[in-house]
Amino acid sequence: MNYFKDKKIIALVIVLFVFTIGYFGVVNHVSHAFSSNYNAKESYNILINTIKECSKAYVKNNTDLFKQDSIAYIKVQDLIDNDLLVANSDGNIVNPLNESESLNSNIIKIKVEEEEIIVSVDS
């Protein structure tokens, strides 16, 4: 009878071993399905485009910037101060390419030509 008991234990160990290998294989495969496709460059470009659009709104509310010249310079911080951009809890717009860097001090060049607003943001 001990002979059958030993076979059951060996069979149980083999089943547990196969189950464990299968479990880790499935978990590894499924975990890759939830991986992030975060693209910092794409996020940066979206953020710059958002800053440009907010700058156009800023110009429409501050037409006095162009009384003397057709070019004006503002900072990203001006957009935050005028509630056109929402900063993080520290008051910063974080650069997606370098998360330890803030874009608050970046200069925005706004040029008005024949009622067209041209915006560029320094990098």
PDB file of N, CA and C in Angstrom:
ATOM      1  N   MET A   1       0.798  -1.193   0.000  1.00  0.00           N
ATOM      2  CA  MET A   1       0.000   0.000   0.000  1.00  0.00           C
ATOM      3  C   MET A   1       0.846   1.264   0.000  1.00  0.00           C
ATOM      4  N   ASN A   2       1.998   1.222   0.612  1.00  0.00           N
ATOM      5  CA  ASN A   2       2.880   2.380   0.587  1.00  0.00           C
ATOM      6  C   ASN A   2       3.298   2.732  -0.834  1.00  0.00           C
ATOM      7  N   TYR A   3       3.344   1.704  -1.670  1.00  0.00           N
ATOM      8  CA  TYR A   3       3.740   1.912  -3.064  1.00  0.00           C
ATOM      9  C   TYR A   3       2.757   2.839  -3.777  1.00  0.00           C
ATOM     10  N   PHE A   4       1.456   2.664  -3.549  1.00  0.00           N
ATOM     11  CA  PHE A   4       0.439   3.511  -4.182  1.00  0.00           C
ATOM     12  C   PHE A   4       0.443   4.917  -3.593  1.00  0.00           C
ATOM     13  N   LYS A   5       0.744   5.026  -2.294  1.00  0.00           N
ATOM     14  CA  LYS A   5       0.813   6.328  -1.638  1.00  0.00           C
ATOM     15  C   LYS A   5       1.958   7.155  -2.230  1.00  0.00           C
ATOM     16  N   ASP A   6       3.097   6.526  -2.453  1.00  0.00           N
ATOM     17  CA  ASP A   6       4.244   7.219  -3.032  1.00  0.00           C
ATOM     18  C   ASP A   6       3.933   7.699  -4.453  1.00  0.00           C
ATOM     19  N   LYS A   7       3.233   6.875  -5.227  1.00  0.00           N
ATOM     20  CA  LYS A   7       2.872   7.267  -6.594  1.00  0.00           C
ATOM     21  C   LYS A   7       1.912   8.459  -6.588  1.00  0.00           C
ATOM     22  N   LYS A   8       0.993   8.477  -5.621  1.00  0.00           N
ATOM     23  CA  LYS A   8       0.045   9.591  -5.524  1.00  0.00           C
ATOM     24  C   LYS A   8       0.784  10.890  -5.184  1.00  0.00           C
ATOM     25  N   ILE A   9       1.749  10.802  -4.299  1.00  0.00           N
ATOM     26  CA  ILE A   9       2.521  11.997  -3.917  1.00  0.00           C
ATOM     27  C   ILE A   9       3.344  12.489  -5.102  1.00  0.00           C
ATOM     28  N   ILE A  10       3.974  11.565  -5.813  1.00  0.00           N
ATOM     29  CA  ILE A  10       4.766  11.944  -6.988  1.00  0.00           C
ATOM     30  C   ILE A  10       3.858  12.558  -8.051  1.00  0.00           C
ATOM     31  N   ALA A  11       2.694  11.964  -8.269  1.00  0.00           N
ATOM     32  CA  ALA A  11       1.748  12.492  -9.253  1.00  0.00           C
ATOM     33  C   ALA A  11       1.271  13.883  -8.835  1.00  0.00           C
ATOM     34  N   LEU A  12       1.004  14.067  -7.547  1.00  0.00           N
ATOM     35  CA  LEU A  12       0.572  15.357  -7.035  1.00  0.00           C
ATOM     36  C   LEU A  12       1.660  16.426  -7.230  1.00  0.00           C
ATOM     37  N   VAL A  13       2.902  16.063  -6.959  1.00  0.00           N
ATOM     38  CA  VAL A  13       4.024  16.995  -7.151  1.00  0.00           C
ATOM     39  C   VAL A  13       4.143  17.376  -8.626  1.00  0.00           C
ATOM     40  N   ILE A  14       3.996  16.405  -9.517  1.00  0.00           N
ATOM     41  CA  ILE A  14       4.085  16.678 -10.965  1.00  0.00           C
ATOM     42  C   ILE A  14       2.948  17.590 -11.397  1.00  0.00           C
ATOM     43  N   VAL A  15       1.741  17.328 -10.932  1.00  0.00           N
ATOM     44  CA  VAL A  15       0.583  18.173 -11.277  1.00  0.00           C
ATOM     45  C   VAL A  15       0.792  19.591 -10.760  1.00  0.00           C
ATOM     46  N   LEU A  16       1.254  19.728  -9.520  1.00  0.00           N
ATOM     47  CA  LEU A  16       1.518  21.055  -8.965  1.00  0.00           C
ATOM     48  C   LEU A  16       2.615  21.776  -9.744  1.00  0.00           C
ATOM     49  N   PHE A  17       3.642  21.055 -10.138  1.00  0.00           N
ATOM     50  CA  PHE A  17       4.731  21.650 -10.908  1.00  0.00           C
ATOM     51  C   PHE A  17       4.217  22.155 -12.265  1.00  0.00           C
ATOM     52  N   VAL A  18       3.448  21.324 -12.954  1.00  0.00           N
ATOM     53  CA  VAL A  18       2.894  21.721 -14.259  1.00  0.00           C
ATOM     54  C   VAL A  18       1.946  22.904 -14.088  1.00  0.00           C
ATOM     55  N   PHE A  19       1.101  22.857 -13.065  1.00  0.00           N
ATOM     56  CA  PHE A  19       0.180  23.957 -12.813  1.00  0.00           C
ATOM     57  C   PHE A  19       0.933  25.254 -12.537  1.00  0.00           C
ATOM     58  N   THR A  20       1.981  25.190 -11.729  1.00  0.00           N
ATOM     59  CA  THR A  20       2.771  26.382 -11.393  1.00  0.00           C
ATOM     60  C   THR A  20       3.423  26.983 -12.634  1.00  0.00           C
ATOM     61  N   ILE A  21       4.023  26.141 -13.464  1.00  0.00           N
ATOM     62  CA  ILE A  21       4.642  26.632 -14.701  1.00  0.00           C
ATOM     63  C   ILE A  21       3.574  27.261 -15.601  1.00  0.00           C
ATOM     64  N   GLY A  22       2.450  26.608 -15.730  1.00  0.00           N
ATOM     65  CA  GLY A  22       1.359  27.146 -16.543  1.00  0.00           C
ATOM     66  C   GLY A  22       0.829  28.452 -15.994  1.00  0.00           C
ATOM     67  N   TYR A  23       0.697  28.525 -14.678  1.00  0.00           N
ATOM     68  CA  TYR A  23       0.210  29.742 -14.030  1.00  0.00           C
ATOM     69  C   TYR A  23       1.130  30.921 -14.325  1.00  0.00           C
ATOM     70  N   PHE A  24       2.424  30.743 -14.133  1.00  0.00           N
ATOM     71  CA  PHE A  24       3.365  31.832 -14.385  1.00  0.00           C
ATOM     72  C   PHE A  24       3.414  32.208 -15.863  1.00  0.00           C
ATOM     73  N   GLY A  25       3.250  31.220 -16.730  1.00  0.00           N
ATOM     74  CA  GLY A  25       3.201  31.522 -18.166  1.00  0.00           C
ATOM     75  C   GLY A  25       1.994  32.359 -18.532  1.00  0.00           C
ATOM     76  N   VAL A  26       0.842  32.024 -17.989  1.00  0.00           N
ATOM     77  CA  VAL A  26      -0.391  32.784 -18.261  1.00  0.00           C
ATOM     78  C   VAL A  26      -0.303  34.178 -17.662  1.00  0.00           C
ATOM     79  N   VAL A  27       0.167  34.289 -16.435  1.00  0.00           N
ATOM     80  CA  VAL A  27       0.294  35.599 -15.786  1.00  0.00           C
ATOM     81  C   VAL A  27       1.254  36.487 -16.564  1.00  0.00           C
ATOM     82  N   ASN A  28       2.358  35.951 -17.013  1.00  0.00           N
ATOM     83  CA  ASN A  28       3.320  36.728 -17.796  1.00  0.00           C
ATOM     84  C   ASN A  28       2.684  37.216 -19.095  1.00  0.00           C
ATOM     85  N   HIS A  29       1.958  36.350 -19.759  1.00  0.00           N
ATOM     86  CA  HIS A  29       1.310  36.725 -21.020  1.00  0.00           C
ATOM     87  C   HIS A  29       0.236  37.789 -20.796  1.00  0.00           C
ATOM     88  N   VAL A  30      -0.587  37.613 -19.774  1.00  0.00           N
ATOM     89  CA  VAL A  30      -1.677  38.551 -19.496  1.00  0.00           C
ATOM     90  C   VAL A  30      -1.118  39.892 -19.037  1.00  0.00           C
ATOM     91  N   SER A  31      -0.061  39.895 -18.272  1.00  0.00           N
ATOM     92  CA  SER A  31       0.483  41.155 -17.773  1.00  0.00           C
ATOM     93  C   SER A  31       1.002  42.026 -18.914  1.00  0.00           C
ATOM     94  N   HIS A  32       1.472  41.418 -19.991  1.00  0.00           N
ATOM     95  CA  HIS A  32       1.903  42.211 -21.142  1.00  0.00           C
ATOM     96  C   HIS A  32       0.723  42.828 -21.869  1.00  0.00           C
ATOM     97  N   ALA A  33      -0.448  42.253 -21.727  1.00  0.00           N
ATOM     98  CA  ALA A  33      -1.642  42.813 -22.359  1.00  0.00           C
ATOM     99  C   ALA A  33      -2.024  44.140 -21.726  1.00  0.00           C
ATOM    100  N   PHE A  34      -1.619  44.351 -20.468  1.00  0.00           N
ATOM    101  CA  PHE A  34      -1.944  45.582 -19.771  1.00  0.00           C
ATOM    102  C   PHE A  34      -0.801  46.587 -19.777  1.00  0.00           C
ATOM    103  N   SER A  35       0.238  46.320 -20.532  1.00  0.00           N
ATOM    104  CA  SER A  35       1.376  47.238 -20.538  1.00  0.00           C
ATOM    105  C   SER A  35       0.989  48.544 -21.219  1.00  0.00           C
ATOM    106  N   SER A  36       1.619  49.590 -20.790  1.00  0.00           N
ATOM    107  CA  SER A  36       1.312  50.930 -21.294  1.00  0.00           C
ATOM    108  C   SER A  36       2.073  51.204 -22.581  1.00  0.00           C
ATOM    109  N   ASN A  37       1.412  51.867 -23.492  1.00  0.00           N
ATOM    110  CA  ASN A  37       2.056  52.298 -24.727  1.00  0.00           C
ATOM    111  C   ASN A  37       2.372  53.789 -24.638  1.00  0.00           C
ATOM    112  N   TYR A  38       2.799  54.247 -23.473  1.00  0.00           N
ATOM    113  CA  TYR A  38       3.074  55.655 -23.245  1.00  0.00           C
ATOM    114  C   TYR A  38       4.208  56.114 -24.145  1.00  0.00           C
ATOM    115  N   ASN A  39       3.957  57.158 -24.877  1.00  0.00           N
ATOM    116  CA  ASN A  39       4.945  57.715 -25.782  1.00  0.00           C
ATOM    117  C   ASN A  39       5.205  59.150 -25.340  1.00  0.00           C
ATOM    118  N   ALA A  40       6.350  59.399 -24.735  1.00  0.00           N
ATOM    119  CA  ALA A  40       6.664  60.714 -24.182  1.00  0.00           C
ATOM    120  C   ALA A  40       6.728  61.783 -25.273  1.00  0.00           C
ATOM    121  N   LYS A  41       7.267  61.440 -26.418  1.00  0.00           N
ATOM    122  CA  LYS A  41       7.385  62.425 -27.507  1.00  0.00           C
ATOM    123  C   LYS A  41       5.998  62.852 -27.985  1.00  0.00           C
ATOM    124  N   GLU A  42       5.096  61.889 -28.112  1.00  0.00           N
ATOM    125  CA  GLU A  42       3.729  62.207 -28.536  1.00  0.00           C
ATOM    126  C   GLU A  42       3.025  63.066 -27.478  1.00  0.00           C
ATOM    127  N   SER A  43       3.219  62.742 -26.206  1.00  0.00           N
ATOM    128  CA  SER A  43       2.630  63.533 -25.120  1.00  0.00           C
ATOM    129  C   SER A  43       3.185  64.951 -25.120  1.00  0.00           C
ATOM    130  N   TYR A  44       4.477  65.079 -25.387  1.00  0.00           N
ATOM    131  CA  TYR A  44       5.101  66.393 -25.453  1.00  0.00           C
ATOM    132  C   TYR A  44       4.486  67.217 -26.594  1.00  0.00           C
ATOM    133  N   ASN A  45       4.331  66.602 -27.760  1.00  0.00           N
ATOM    134  CA  ASN A  45       3.753  67.317 -28.904  1.00  0.00           C
ATOM    135  C   ASN A  45       2.317  67.744 -28.620  1.00  0.00           C
ATOM    136  N   ILE A  46       1.553  66.889 -27.964  1.00  0.00           N
ATOM    137  CA  ILE A  46       0.177  67.244 -27.599  1.00  0.00           C
ATOM    138  C   ILE A  46       0.176  68.414 -26.618  1.00  0.00           C
ATOM    139  N   LEU A  47       1.084  68.381 -25.648  1.00  0.00           N
ATOM    140  CA  LEU A  47       1.178  69.466 -24.671  1.00  0.00           C
ATOM    141  C   LEU A  47       1.559  70.779 -25.342  1.00  0.00           C
ATOM    142  N   ILE A  48       2.513  70.750 -26.258  1.00  0.00           N
ATOM    143  CA  ILE A  48       2.916  71.974 -26.967  1.00  0.00           C
ATOM    144  C   ILE A  48       1.749  72.514 -27.793  1.00  0.00           C
ATOM    145  N   ASN A  49       1.006  71.642 -28.451  1.00  0.00           N
ATOM    146  CA  ASN A  49      -0.163  72.089 -29.216  1.00  0.00           C
ATOM    147  C   ASN A  49      -1.232  72.687 -28.302  1.00  0.00           C
ATOM    148  N   THR A  50      -1.388  72.119 -27.121  1.00  0.00           N
ATOM    149  CA  THR A  50      -2.331  72.677 -26.144  1.00  0.00           C
ATOM    150  C   THR A  50      -1.880  74.062 -25.705  1.00  0.00           C
ATOM    151  N   ILE A  51      -0.593  74.215 -25.452  1.00  0.00           N
ATOM    152  CA  ILE A  51      -0.057  75.526 -25.064  1.00  0.00           C
ATOM    153  C   ILE A  51      -0.283  76.540 -26.179  1.00  0.00           C
ATOM    154  N   LYS A  52      -0.091  76.128 -27.429  1.00  0.00           N
ATOM    155  CA  LYS A  52      -0.318  77.036 -28.561  1.00  0.00           C
ATOM    156  C   LYS A  52      -1.774  77.474 -28.644  1.00  0.00           C
ATOM    157  N   GLU A  53      -2.693  76.536 -28.472  1.00  0.00           N
ATOM    158  CA  GLU A  53      -4.118  76.871 -28.535  1.00  0.00           C
ATOM    159  C   GLU A  53      -4.520  77.777 -27.372  1.00  0.00           C
ATOM    160  N   CYS A  54      -3.982  77.514 -26.190  1.00  0.00           N
ATOM    161  CA  CYS A  54      -4.263  78.372 -25.038  1.00  0.00           C
ATOM    162  C   CYS A  54      -3.692  79.777 -25.245  1.00  0.00           C
ATOM    163  N   SER A  55      -2.563  79.846 -25.931  1.00  0.00           N
ATOM    164  CA  SER A  55      -1.956  81.148 -26.236  1.00  0.00           C
ATOM    165  C   SER A  55      -2.848  81.959 -27.162  1.00  0.00           C
ATOM    166  N   LYS A  56      -3.480  81.296 -28.107  1.00  0.00           N
ATOM    167  CA  LYS A  56      -4.416  81.988 -29.010  1.00  0.00           C
ATOM    168  C   LYS A  56      -5.603  82.542 -28.232  1.00  0.00           C
ATOM    169  N   ALA A  57      -6.091  81.790 -27.271  1.00  0.00           N
ATOM    170  CA  ALA A  57      -7.179  82.284 -26.423  1.00  0.00           C
ATOM    171  C   ALA A  57      -6.702  83.453 -25.569  1.00  0.00           C
ATOM    172  N   TYR A  58      -5.464  83.379 -25.101  1.00  0.00           N
ATOM    173  CA  TYR A  58      -4.877  84.461 -24.301  1.00  0.00           C
ATOM    174  C   TYR A  58      -4.817  85.749 -25.122  1.00  0.00           C
ATOM    175  N   VAL A  59      -4.437  85.622 -26.389  1.00  0.00           N
ATOM    176  CA  VAL A  59      -4.341  86.797 -27.267  1.00  0.00           C
ATOM    177  C   VAL A  59      -5.709  87.441 -27.460  1.00  0.00           C
ATOM    178  N   LYS A  60      -6.727  86.634 -27.635  1.00  0.00           N
ATOM    179  CA  LYS A  60      -8.080  87.171 -27.849  1.00  0.00           C
ATOM    180  C   LYS A  60      -8.577  87.939 -26.637  1.00  0.00           C
ATOM    181  N   ASN A  61      -8.103  87.594 -25.446  1.00  0.00           N
ATOM    182  CA  ASN A  61      -8.484  88.299 -24.223  1.00  0.00           C
ATOM    183  C   ASN A  61      -7.540  89.439 -23.875  1.00  0.00           C
ATOM    184  N   ASN A  62      -6.401  89.527 -24.558  1.00  0.00           N
ATOM    185  CA  ASN A  62      -5.389  90.551 -24.261  1.00  0.00           C
ATOM    186  C   ASN A  62      -4.909  91.210 -25.556  1.00  0.00           C
ATOM    187  N   THR A  63      -5.804  91.801 -26.284  1.00  0.00           N
ATOM    188  CA  THR A  63      -5.442  92.420 -27.571  1.00  0.00           C
ATOM    189  C   THR A  63      -4.520  93.620 -27.395  1.00  0.00           C
ATOM    190  N   ASP A  64      -4.454  94.173 -26.186  1.00  0.00           N
ATOM    191  CA  ASP A  64      -3.571  95.312 -25.940  1.00  0.00           C
ATOM    192  C   ASP A  64      -2.094  94.946 -26.076  1.00  0.00           C
ATOM    193  N   LEU A  65      -1.775  93.657 -26.105  1.00  0.00           N
ATOM    194  CA  LEU A  65      -0.384  93.225 -26.302  1.00  0.00           C
ATOM    195  C   LEU A  65       0.160  93.666 -27.654  1.00  0.00           C
ATOM    196  N   PHE A  66      -0.714  93.903 -28.601  1.00  0.00           N
ATOM    197  CA  PHE A  66      -0.283  94.181 -29.977  1.00  0.00           C
ATOM    198  C   PHE A  66      -0.542  95.628 -30.391  1.00  0.00           C
ATOM    199  N   LYS A  67      -0.630  96.540 -29.452  1.00  0.00           N
ATOM    200  CA  LYS A  67      -0.832  97.955 -29.777  1.00  0.00           C
ATOM    201  C   LYS A  67       0.389  98.555 -30.464  1.00  0.00           C
ATOM    202  N   GLN A  68       1.594  98.162 -30.018  1.00  0.00           N
ATOM    203  CA  GLN A  68       2.812  98.743 -30.565  1.00  0.00           C
ATOM    204  C   GLN A  68       3.487  97.851 -31.596  1.00  0.00           C
ATOM    205  N   ASP A  69       3.347  96.568 -31.475  1.00  0.00           N
ATOM    206  CA  ASP A  69       4.076  95.632 -32.340  1.00  0.00           C
ATOM    207  C   ASP A  69       3.179  94.448 -32.661  1.00  0.00           C
ATOM    208  N   SER A  70       3.494  93.754 -33.744  1.00  0.00           N
ATOM    209  CA  SER A  70       2.690  92.587 -34.131  1.00  0.00           C
ATOM    210  C   SER A  70       3.220  91.293 -33.496  1.00  0.00           C
ATOM    211  N   ILE A  71       4.258  91.422 -32.677  1.00  0.00           N
ATOM    212  CA  ILE A  71       4.834  90.263 -32.000  1.00  0.00           C
ATOM    213  C   ILE A  71       4.812  90.503 -30.489  1.00  0.00           C
ATOM    214  N   ALA A  72       4.420  89.473 -29.762  1.00  0.00           N
ATOM    215  CA  ALA A  72       4.431  89.548 -28.295  1.00  0.00           C
ATOM    216  C   ALA A  72       5.053  88.275 -27.751  1.00  0.00           C
ATOM    217  N   TYR A  73       5.644  88.394 -26.586  1.00  0.00           N
ATOM    218  CA  TYR A  73       6.255  87.252 -25.915  1.00  0.00           C
ATOM    219  C   TYR A  73       5.612  87.105 -24.541  1.00  0.00           C
ATOM    220  N   ILE A  74       5.200  85.888 -24.238  1.00  0.00           N
ATOM    221  CA  ILE A  74       4.676  85.574 -22.913  1.00  0.00           C
ATOM    222  C   ILE A  74       5.338  84.275 -22.444  1.00  0.00           C
ATOM    223  N   LYS A  75       5.093  83.922 -21.217  1.00  0.00           N
ATOM    224  CA  LYS A  75       5.602  82.656 -20.682  1.00  0.00           C
ATOM    225  C   LYS A  75       4.432  81.717 -20.432  1.00  0.00           C
ATOM    226  N   VAL A  76       4.737  80.453 -20.340  1.00  0.00           N
ATOM    227  CA  VAL A  76       3.717  79.450 -20.026  1.00  0.00           C
ATOM    228  C   VAL A  76       3.071  79.791 -18.683  1.00  0.00           C
ATOM    229  N   GLN A  77       3.850  80.339 -17.773  1.00  0.00           N
ATOM    230  CA  GLN A  77       3.327  80.739 -16.461  1.00  0.00           C
ATOM    231  C   GLN A  77       2.181  81.737 -16.601  1.00  0.00           C
ATOM    232  N   ASP A  78       2.237  82.621 -17.611  1.00  0.00           N
ATOM    233  CA  ASP A  78       1.147  83.580 -17.840  1.00  0.00           C
ATOM    234  C   ASP A  78      -0.164  82.855 -18.152  1.00  0.00           C
ATOM    235  N   LEU A  79      -0.080  81.768 -18.882  1.00  0.00           N
ATOM    236  CA  LEU A  79      -1.278  80.992 -19.199  1.00  0.00           C
ATOM    237  C   LEU A  79      -1.840  80.330 -17.947  1.00  0.00           C
ATOM    238  N   ILE A  80      -0.960  79.883 -17.072  1.00  0.00           N
ATOM    239  CA  ILE A  80      -1.395  79.276 -15.801  1.00  0.00           C
ATOM    240  C   ILE A  80      -2.055  80.340 -14.929  1.00  0.00           C
ATOM    241  N   ASP A  81      -1.410  81.500 -14.841  1.00  0.00           N
ATOM    242  CA  ASP A  81      -1.932  82.592 -14.006  1.00  0.00           C
ATOM    243  C   ASP A  81      -3.291  83.085 -14.480  1.00  0.00           C
ATOM    244  N   ASN A  82      -3.571  82.966 -15.770  1.00  0.00           N
ATOM    245  CA  ASN A  82      -4.850  83.412 -16.329  1.00  0.00           C
ATOM    246  C   ASN A  82      -5.848  82.267 -16.498  1.00  0.00           C
ATOM    247  N   ASP A  83      -5.589  81.157 -15.820  1.00  0.00           N
ATOM    248  CA  ASP A  83      -6.480  79.991 -15.800  1.00  0.00           C
ATOM    249  C   ASP A  83      -6.759  79.412 -17.186  1.00  0.00           C
ATOM    250  N   LEU A  84      -5.783  79.478 -18.074  1.00  0.00           N
ATOM    251  CA  LEU A  84      -5.919  78.873 -19.385  1.00  0.00           C
ATOM    252  C   LEU A  84      -5.257  77.500 -19.443  1.00  0.00           C
ATOM    253  N   LEU A  85      -4.322  77.260 -18.555  1.00  0.00           N
ATOM    254  CA  LEU A  85      -3.680  75.947 -18.413  1.00  0.00           C
ATOM    255  C   LEU A  85      -3.779  75.531 -16.955  1.00  0.00           C
ATOM    256  N   VAL A  86      -3.967  74.250 -16.741  1.00  0.00           N
ATOM    257  CA  VAL A  86      -4.043  73.728 -15.382  1.00  0.00           C
ATOM    258  C   VAL A  86      -2.713  73.061 -15.050  1.00  0.00           C
ATOM    259  N   ALA A  87      -2.093  73.568 -14.012  1.00  0.00           N
ATOM    260  CA  ALA A  87      -0.805  73.021 -13.565  1.00  0.00           C
ATOM    261  C   ALA A  87      -1.038  71.886 -12.574  1.00  0.00           C
ATOM    262  N   ASN A  88       0.036  71.158 -12.268  1.00  0.00           N
ATOM    263  CA  ASN A  88      -0.068  70.089 -11.271  1.00  0.00           C
ATOM    264  C   ASN A  88      -0.148  70.691  -9.867  1.00  0.00           C
ATOM    265  N   SER A  89      -0.147  69.860  -8.845  1.00  0.00           N
ATOM    266  CA  SER A  89      -0.309  70.339  -7.467  1.00  0.00           C
ATOM    267  C   SER A  89       0.834  71.247  -7.017  1.00  0.00           C
ATOM    268  N   ASP A  90       1.983  71.152  -7.687  1.00  0.00           N
ATOM    269  CA  ASP A  90       3.111  72.026  -7.362  1.00  0.00           C
ATOM    270  C   ASP A  90       3.083  73.325  -8.161  1.00  0.00           C
ATOM    271  N   GLY A  91       2.091  73.491  -9.021  1.00  0.00           N
ATOM    272  CA  GLY A  91       1.984  74.696  -9.837  1.00  0.00           C
ATOM    273  C   GLY A  91       2.809  74.642 -11.108  1.00  0.00           C
ATOM    274  N   ASN A  92       3.200  73.444 -11.540  1.00  0.00           N
ATOM    275  CA  ASN A  92       4.067  73.306 -12.711  1.00  0.00           C
ATOM    276  C   ASN A  92       3.378  72.566 -13.845  1.00  0.00           C
ATOM    277  N   ILE A  93       3.796  72.899 -15.058  1.00  0.00           N
ATOM    278  CA  ILE A  93       3.477  72.102 -16.233  1.00  0.00           C
ATOM    279  C   ILE A  93       4.721  71.263 -16.471  1.00  0.00           C
ATOM    280  N   VAL A  94       4.599  69.956 -16.289  1.00  0.00           N
ATOM    281  CA  VAL A  94       5.755  69.062 -16.335  1.00  0.00           C
ATOM    282  C   VAL A  94       6.040  68.654 -17.779  1.00  0.00           C
ATOM    283  N   ASN A  95       7.317  68.666 -18.131  1.00  0.00           N
ATOM    284  CA  ASN A  95       7.762  68.249 -19.454  1.00  0.00           C
ATOM    285  C   ASN A  95       7.707  66.728 -19.537  1.00  0.00           C
ATOM    286  N   PRO A  96       6.899  66.162 -20.454  1.00  0.00           N
ATOM    287  CA  PRO A  96       6.822  64.699 -20.554  1.00  0.00           C
ATOM    288  C   PRO A  96       8.140  64.040 -20.969  1.00  0.00           C
ATOM    289  N   LEU A  97       9.029  64.784 -21.617  1.00  0.00           N
ATOM    290  CA  LEU A  97      10.312  64.227 -22.042  1.00  0.00           C
ATOM    291  C   LEU A  97      11.308  64.137 -20.893  1.00  0.00           C
ATOM    292  N   ASN A  98      11.131  65.004 -19.895  1.00  0.00           N
ATOM    293  CA  ASN A  98      12.002  65.016 -18.725  1.00  0.00           C
ATOM    294  C   ASN A  98      11.149  65.450 -17.542  1.00  0.00           C
ATOM    295  N   GLU A  99      10.634  64.497 -16.796  1.00  0.00           N
ATOM    296  CA  GLU A  99       9.645  64.794 -15.770  1.00  0.00           C
ATOM    297  C   GLU A  99      10.179  65.591 -14.589  1.00  0.00           C
ATOM    298  N   SER A 100      11.471  65.816 -14.540  1.00  0.00           N
ATOM    299  CA  SER A 100      12.024  66.665 -13.483  1.00  0.00           C
ATOM    300  C   SER A 100      12.100  68.128 -13.946  1.00  0.00           C
ATOM    301  N   GLU A 101      11.654  68.398 -15.155  1.00  0.00           N
ATOM    302  CA  GLU A 101      11.743  69.730 -15.743  1.00  0.00           C
ATOM    303  C   GLU A 101      10.349  70.338 -15.876  1.00  0.00           C
ATOM    304  N   SER A 102      10.256  71.620 -15.584  1.00  0.00           N
ATOM    305  CA  SER A 102       9.002  72.355 -15.714  1.00  0.00           C
ATOM    306  C   SER A 102       9.044  73.198 -16.987  1.00  0.00           C
ATOM    307  N   LEU A 103       7.874  73.359 -17.610  1.00  0.00           N
ATOM    308  CA  LEU A 103       7.786  74.205 -18.806  1.00  0.00           C
ATOM    309  C   LEU A 103       7.287  75.611 -18.481  1.00  0.00           C
ATOM    310  N   ASN A 104       7.088  75.920 -17.203  1.00  0.00           N
ATOM    311  CA  ASN A 104       6.517  77.200 -16.804  1.00  0.00           C
ATOM    312  C   ASN A 104       7.292  78.410 -17.320  1.00  0.00           C
ATOM    313  N   SER A 105       8.596  78.300 -17.417  1.00  0.00           N
ATOM    314  CA  SER A 105       9.401  79.452 -17.829  1.00  0.00           C
ATOM    315  C   SER A 105       9.652  79.491 -19.344  1.00  0.00           C
ATOM    316  N   ASN A 106       9.115  78.532 -20.079  1.00  0.00           N
ATOM    317  CA  ASN A 106       9.288  78.552 -21.538  1.00  0.00           C
ATOM    318  C   ASN A 106       8.587  79.766 -22.136  1.00  0.00           C
ATOM    319  N   ILE A 107       9.237  80.345 -23.124  1.00  0.00           N
ATOM    320  CA  ILE A 107       8.727  81.565 -23.752  1.00  0.00           C
ATOM    321  C   ILE A 107       7.898  81.202 -24.976  1.00  0.00           C
ATOM    322  N   ILE A 108       6.779  81.892 -25.109  1.00  0.00           N
ATOM    323  CA  ILE A 108       5.863  81.698 -26.226  1.00  0.00           C
ATOM    324  C   ILE A 108       5.906  82.962 -27.078  1.00  0.00           C
ATOM    325  N   LYS A 109       6.197  82.782 -28.350  1.00  0.00           N
ATOM    326  CA  LYS A 109       6.214  83.904 -29.286  1.00  0.00           C
ATOM    327  C   LYS A 109       4.880  83.909 -30.035  1.00  0.00           C
ATOM    328  N   ILE A 110       4.201  85.035 -29.967  1.00  0.00           N
ATOM    329  CA  ILE A 110       2.903  85.172 -30.621  1.00  0.00           C
ATOM    330  C   ILE A 110       2.999  86.292 -31.640  1.00  0.00           C
ATOM    331  N   LYS A 111       2.653  85.976 -32.867  1.00  0.00           N
ATOM    332  CA  LYS A 111       2.718  86.948 -33.953  1.00  0.00           C
ATOM    333  C   LYS A 111       1.348  87.019 -34.618  1.00  0.00           C
ATOM    334  N   VAL A 112       0.892  88.244 -34.850  1.00  0.00           N
ATOM    335  CA  VAL A 112      -0.388  88.438 -35.517  1.00  0.00           C
ATOM    336  C   VAL A 112      -0.118  89.017 -36.899  1.00  0.00           C
ATOM    337  N   GLU A 113      -0.560  88.293 -37.918  1.00  0.00           N
ATOM    338  CA  GLU A 113      -0.412  88.741 -39.300  1.00  0.00           C
ATOM    339  C   GLU A 113      -1.761  88.653 -39.992  1.00  0.00           C
ATOM    340  N   GLU A 114      -2.270  89.781 -40.415  1.00  0.00           N
ATOM    341  CA  GLU A 114      -3.533  89.826 -41.137  1.00  0.00           C
ATOM    342  C   GLU A 114      -4.611  89.003 -40.438  1.00  0.00           C
ATOM    343  N   GLU A 115      -4.792  89.246 -39.169  1.00  0.00           N
ATOM    344  CA  GLU A 115      -5.781  88.585 -38.320  1.00  0.00           C
ATOM    345  C   GLU A 115      -5.531  87.095 -38.106  1.00  0.00           C
ATOM    346  N   GLU A 116      -4.372  86.593 -38.514  1.00  0.00           N
ATOM    347  CA  GLU A 116      -3.984  85.218 -38.242  1.00  0.00           C
ATOM    348  C   GLU A 116      -2.996  85.228 -37.079  1.00  0.00           C
ATOM    349  N   ILE A 117      -3.225  84.331 -36.124  1.00  0.00           N
ATOM    350  CA  ILE A 117      -2.349  84.232 -34.952  1.00  0.00           C
ATOM    351  C   ILE A 117      -1.380  83.080 -35.152  1.00  0.00           C
ATOM    352  N   ILE A 118      -0.086  83.405 -35.137  1.00  0.00           N
ATOM    353  CA  ILE A 118       0.975  82.407 -35.312  1.00  0.00           C
ATOM    354  C   ILE A 118       1.705  82.283 -33.966  1.00  0.00           C
ATOM    355  N   VAL A 119       1.745  81.054 -33.453  1.00  0.00           N
ATOM    356  CA  VAL A 119       2.329  80.822 -32.133  1.00  0.00           C
ATOM    357  C   VAL A 119       3.470  79.821 -32.251  1.00  0.00           C
ATOM    358  N   SER A 120       4.573  80.124 -31.551  1.00  0.00           N
ATOM    359  CA  SER A 120       5.662  79.166 -31.437  1.00  0.00           C
ATOM    360  C   SER A 120       6.122  79.127 -29.977  1.00  0.00           C
ATOM    361  N   VAL A 121       6.503  77.947 -29.544  1.00  0.00           N
ATOM    362  CA  VAL A 121       6.931  77.750 -28.152  1.00  0.00           C
ATOM    363  C   VAL A 121       8.375  77.296 -28.183  1.00  0.00           C
ATOM    364  N   ASP A 122       9.225  77.949 -27.379  1.00  0.00           N
ATOM    365  CA  ASP A 122      10.620  77.498 -27.328  1.00  0.00           C
ATOM    366  C   ASP A 122      10.701  76.167 -26.603  1.00  0.00           C
ATOM    367  N   SER A 123      11.679  75.378 -26.965  1.00  0.00           N
ATOM    368  CA  SER A 123      11.815  74.047 -26.376  1.00  0.00           C
ATOM    369  C   SER A 123      12.995  73.987 -25.441  1.00  0.00           C
TER     370      SER A 123
END
